[in-house]
N, C-alpha and C. Protein backbone atom coordinates (compact mmCIF):
# COMPACT_ATOMS: atom_id res chain seq x y z
N MET A 1 72.71 38.41 45.84
CA MET A 1 71.68 38.95 45.02
C MET A 1 71.79 38.33 43.63
N GLU A 2 70.71 37.87 43.09
CA GLU A 2 70.66 37.29 41.76
C GLU A 2 70.36 38.36 40.70
N GLN A 3 71.16 38.36 39.63
CA GLN A 3 70.96 39.30 38.54
C GLN A 3 70.90 38.47 37.26
N ALA A 4 70.13 38.95 36.28
CA ALA A 4 70.00 38.30 35.00
C ALA A 4 71.04 38.84 34.02
N ILE A 5 71.53 38.00 33.14
CA ILE A 5 72.42 38.47 32.07
C ILE A 5 71.50 39.01 30.95
N ILE A 6 71.83 40.24 30.50
CA ILE A 6 70.96 40.87 29.47
C ILE A 6 71.75 41.15 28.23
N GLN A 7 71.04 41.36 27.13
CA GLN A 7 71.68 41.70 25.85
C GLN A 7 72.02 43.17 25.86
N ILE A 8 73.27 43.50 25.43
CA ILE A 8 73.67 44.89 25.30
C ILE A 8 74.41 44.97 23.94
N GLY A 9 73.70 45.39 22.94
CA GLY A 9 74.22 45.38 21.59
C GLY A 9 74.56 43.96 21.14
N ASN A 10 75.77 43.70 20.69
CA ASN A 10 76.16 42.36 20.30
C ASN A 10 76.76 41.57 21.46
N SER A 11 76.79 42.18 22.62
CA SER A 11 77.35 41.52 23.82
C SER A 11 76.28 41.28 24.82
N VAL A 12 76.68 40.71 25.96
CA VAL A 12 75.78 40.53 27.07
C VAL A 12 76.41 41.12 28.29
N GLY A 13 75.61 41.49 29.28
CA GLY A 13 76.19 42.09 30.49
C GLY A 13 75.27 41.86 31.67
N VAL A 14 75.74 42.28 32.82
CA VAL A 14 75.02 42.20 34.05
C VAL A 14 74.89 43.61 34.61
N ILE A 15 73.75 44.02 35.02
CA ILE A 15 73.56 45.35 35.64
C ILE A 15 74.07 45.32 37.06
N ILE A 16 74.92 46.26 37.41
CA ILE A 16 75.40 46.41 38.80
C ILE A 16 74.40 47.24 39.55
N PRO A 17 73.76 46.68 40.56
CA PRO A 17 72.77 47.42 41.33
C PRO A 17 73.37 48.72 41.93
N SER A 18 72.50 49.72 41.98
CA SER A 18 72.91 51.05 42.42
C SER A 18 73.61 51.06 43.77
N LYS A 19 73.09 50.28 44.75
CA LYS A 19 73.70 50.30 46.08
C LYS A 19 75.14 49.72 46.05
N PHE A 20 75.41 48.72 45.19
CA PHE A 20 76.77 48.23 45.06
C PHE A 20 77.64 49.21 44.34
N ARG A 21 77.11 49.78 43.26
CA ARG A 21 77.85 50.74 42.49
C ARG A 21 78.27 51.93 43.36
N LYS A 22 77.38 52.45 44.15
CA LYS A 22 77.71 53.61 45.05
C LYS A 22 78.72 53.21 46.12
N GLN A 23 78.55 52.01 46.68
CA GLN A 23 79.49 51.55 47.73
C GLN A 23 80.92 51.44 47.22
N ILE A 24 81.04 50.90 46.01
CA ILE A 24 82.38 50.71 45.43
C ILE A 24 82.90 51.99 44.83
N GLY A 25 82.00 52.87 44.39
CA GLY A 25 82.45 54.10 43.74
C GLY A 25 82.49 54.05 42.25
N PHE A 26 81.82 53.10 41.66
CA PHE A 26 81.76 52.97 40.19
C PHE A 26 80.88 54.12 39.65
N LYS A 27 81.35 54.71 38.56
CA LYS A 27 80.57 55.73 37.88
C LYS A 27 80.51 55.36 36.40
N LYS A 28 79.61 55.99 35.66
CA LYS A 28 79.53 55.74 34.24
C LYS A 28 80.91 56.02 33.64
N GLY A 29 81.41 55.06 32.91
CA GLY A 29 82.72 55.20 32.29
C GLY A 29 83.90 54.72 33.15
N SER A 30 83.63 54.33 34.38
CA SER A 30 84.68 53.80 35.23
C SER A 30 85.31 52.54 34.61
N LYS A 31 86.62 52.41 34.78
CA LYS A 31 87.29 51.15 34.38
C LYS A 31 87.10 50.12 35.43
N VAL A 32 86.81 48.92 35.05
CA VAL A 32 86.69 47.80 35.99
C VAL A 32 87.57 46.65 35.50
N TYR A 33 87.96 45.81 36.39
CA TYR A 33 88.77 44.65 36.06
C TYR A 33 88.00 43.41 36.44
N ILE A 34 87.94 42.48 35.48
CA ILE A 34 87.16 41.27 35.65
C ILE A 34 88.09 40.07 35.65
N ASN A 35 87.98 39.23 36.65
CA ASN A 35 88.80 38.02 36.78
C ASN A 35 87.88 36.86 37.13
N ILE A 36 88.41 35.68 36.97
CA ILE A 36 87.72 34.43 37.42
C ILE A 36 88.62 33.75 38.38
N ASP A 37 88.09 33.38 39.55
CA ASP A 37 88.92 32.65 40.53
C ASP A 37 88.90 31.16 40.21
N THR A 38 89.56 30.39 41.06
CA THR A 38 89.72 28.96 40.82
C THR A 38 88.42 28.18 40.94
N GLN A 39 87.41 28.80 41.50
CA GLN A 39 86.10 28.15 41.64
C GLN A 39 85.10 28.68 40.63
N ASN A 40 85.60 29.36 39.60
CA ASN A 40 84.80 29.95 38.53
C ASN A 40 83.85 31.05 38.99
N ASN A 41 84.21 31.75 40.06
CA ASN A 41 83.47 32.93 40.50
C ASN A 41 84.04 34.13 39.75
N ILE A 42 83.17 34.98 39.27
CA ILE A 42 83.61 36.21 38.59
C ILE A 42 83.85 37.27 39.63
N ILE A 43 85.02 37.87 39.55
CA ILE A 43 85.41 38.94 40.48
C ILE A 43 85.53 40.24 39.68
N ILE A 44 84.78 41.23 40.08
CA ILE A 44 84.82 42.55 39.41
C ILE A 44 85.43 43.52 40.43
N SER A 45 86.53 44.17 40.12
CA SER A 45 87.18 45.07 41.04
C SER A 45 87.39 46.44 40.39
N LYS A 46 87.51 47.42 41.24
CA LYS A 46 87.68 48.80 40.82
C LYS A 46 89.12 49.01 40.34
N GLU A 47 90.08 48.33 40.94
CA GLU A 47 91.49 48.52 40.58
C GLU A 47 92.08 47.20 40.16
N LYS A 48 93.04 47.28 39.28
CA LYS A 48 93.78 46.11 38.87
C LYS A 48 94.63 45.65 40.09
N LYS A 49 94.49 44.41 40.42
CA LYS A 49 95.23 43.89 41.57
C LYS A 49 96.64 43.53 41.18
N ASP A 50 97.58 43.91 41.95
CA ASP A 50 98.98 43.63 41.76
C ASP A 50 99.48 42.78 42.94
N VAL A 51 100.41 41.93 42.74
CA VAL A 51 100.89 41.10 43.83
C VAL A 51 101.37 41.93 45.01
N THR A 52 101.84 43.15 44.77
CA THR A 52 102.29 43.96 45.84
C THR A 52 101.14 44.46 46.73
N ASP A 53 99.91 44.43 46.18
CA ASP A 53 98.77 44.82 46.99
C ASP A 53 98.58 43.93 48.17
N SER A 54 98.92 42.65 48.02
CA SER A 54 98.72 41.72 49.14
C SER A 54 99.89 41.66 50.13
N GLY A 55 100.86 42.54 49.93
CA GLY A 55 101.98 42.58 50.87
C GLY A 55 102.94 41.45 50.64
N ILE A 56 103.07 40.97 49.41
CA ILE A 56 103.90 39.81 49.15
C ILE A 56 105.36 40.09 49.52
N PHE A 57 105.83 41.32 49.34
CA PHE A 57 107.21 41.61 49.63
C PHE A 57 107.44 41.55 51.16
N ASN A 58 106.47 41.97 51.93
CA ASN A 58 106.60 41.85 53.40
C ASN A 58 106.67 40.40 53.82
N ILE A 59 105.87 39.58 53.18
CA ILE A 59 105.86 38.14 53.49
C ILE A 59 107.23 37.54 53.10
N LEU A 60 107.69 37.86 51.91
CA LEU A 60 108.99 37.31 51.49
C LEU A 60 110.13 37.75 52.39
N GLU A 61 110.06 38.97 52.83
CA GLU A 61 111.10 39.49 53.74
C GLU A 61 111.11 38.69 55.07
N GLY A 62 109.94 38.39 55.54
CA GLY A 62 109.82 37.57 56.76
C GLY A 62 110.34 36.17 56.54
N VAL A 63 110.03 35.56 55.40
CA VAL A 63 110.54 34.21 55.08
C VAL A 63 112.07 34.26 54.99
N ASN A 64 112.58 35.31 54.34
CA ASN A 64 114.03 35.42 54.19
C ASN A 64 114.74 35.57 55.53
N LYS A 65 114.13 36.37 56.41
CA LYS A 65 114.73 36.56 57.76
C LYS A 65 114.74 35.21 58.53
N ARG A 66 113.66 34.51 58.40
CA ARG A 66 113.49 33.27 59.17
C ARG A 66 114.26 32.11 58.56
N TYR A 67 114.21 31.95 57.28
CA TYR A 67 114.76 30.77 56.58
C TYR A 67 115.86 31.05 55.58
N GLY A 68 116.27 32.31 55.49
CA GLY A 68 117.27 32.70 54.46
C GLY A 68 118.52 31.87 54.50
N LYS A 69 119.12 31.72 55.71
CA LYS A 69 120.36 30.96 55.84
C LYS A 69 120.17 29.52 55.37
N ALA A 70 119.09 28.89 55.83
CA ALA A 70 118.83 27.48 55.44
C ALA A 70 118.61 27.36 53.94
N LEU A 71 117.90 28.30 53.37
CA LEU A 71 117.67 28.28 51.91
C LEU A 71 118.94 28.46 51.12
N ARG A 72 119.83 29.34 51.56
CA ARG A 72 121.13 29.52 50.87
C ARG A 72 121.95 28.26 50.99
N GLU A 73 121.92 27.62 52.16
CA GLU A 73 122.70 26.37 52.34
C GLU A 73 122.15 25.26 51.42
N LEU A 74 120.84 25.17 51.32
CA LEU A 74 120.24 24.17 50.39
C LEU A 74 120.59 24.46 48.97
N ALA A 75 120.63 25.73 48.59
CA ALA A 75 120.95 26.10 47.20
C ALA A 75 122.34 25.73 46.86
N GLU A 76 123.25 25.75 47.81
CA GLU A 76 124.69 25.41 47.56
C GLU A 76 124.94 23.94 47.46
N LYS A 77 123.99 23.09 47.88
CA LYS A 77 124.22 21.64 47.85
C LYS A 77 123.98 21.10 46.46
C-alpha cells in the first residue's frame, strides 16, 4: 500500500491505515519502534526487538553442543 508523507507540525509523518493499526494493536499514544534494515526499508514494530526474541541463545547452545570441543581446541592453539 502506498502512503504519502504528510506535514505534522514541524515534522513529517506517515498515516498508518486503520486496518493495519487494528491488526497490530496500535492505539493513540502507543509506543512504536522504528528501524531501517540493510536495504533501507523502514520497519515499524510494536515492541523493541531484542536478540533474545530470535532465540539466539537456543542457537548458540546448539552450536556449543555440536562444535564446543573443536572451538575450545582452536582457542588453545
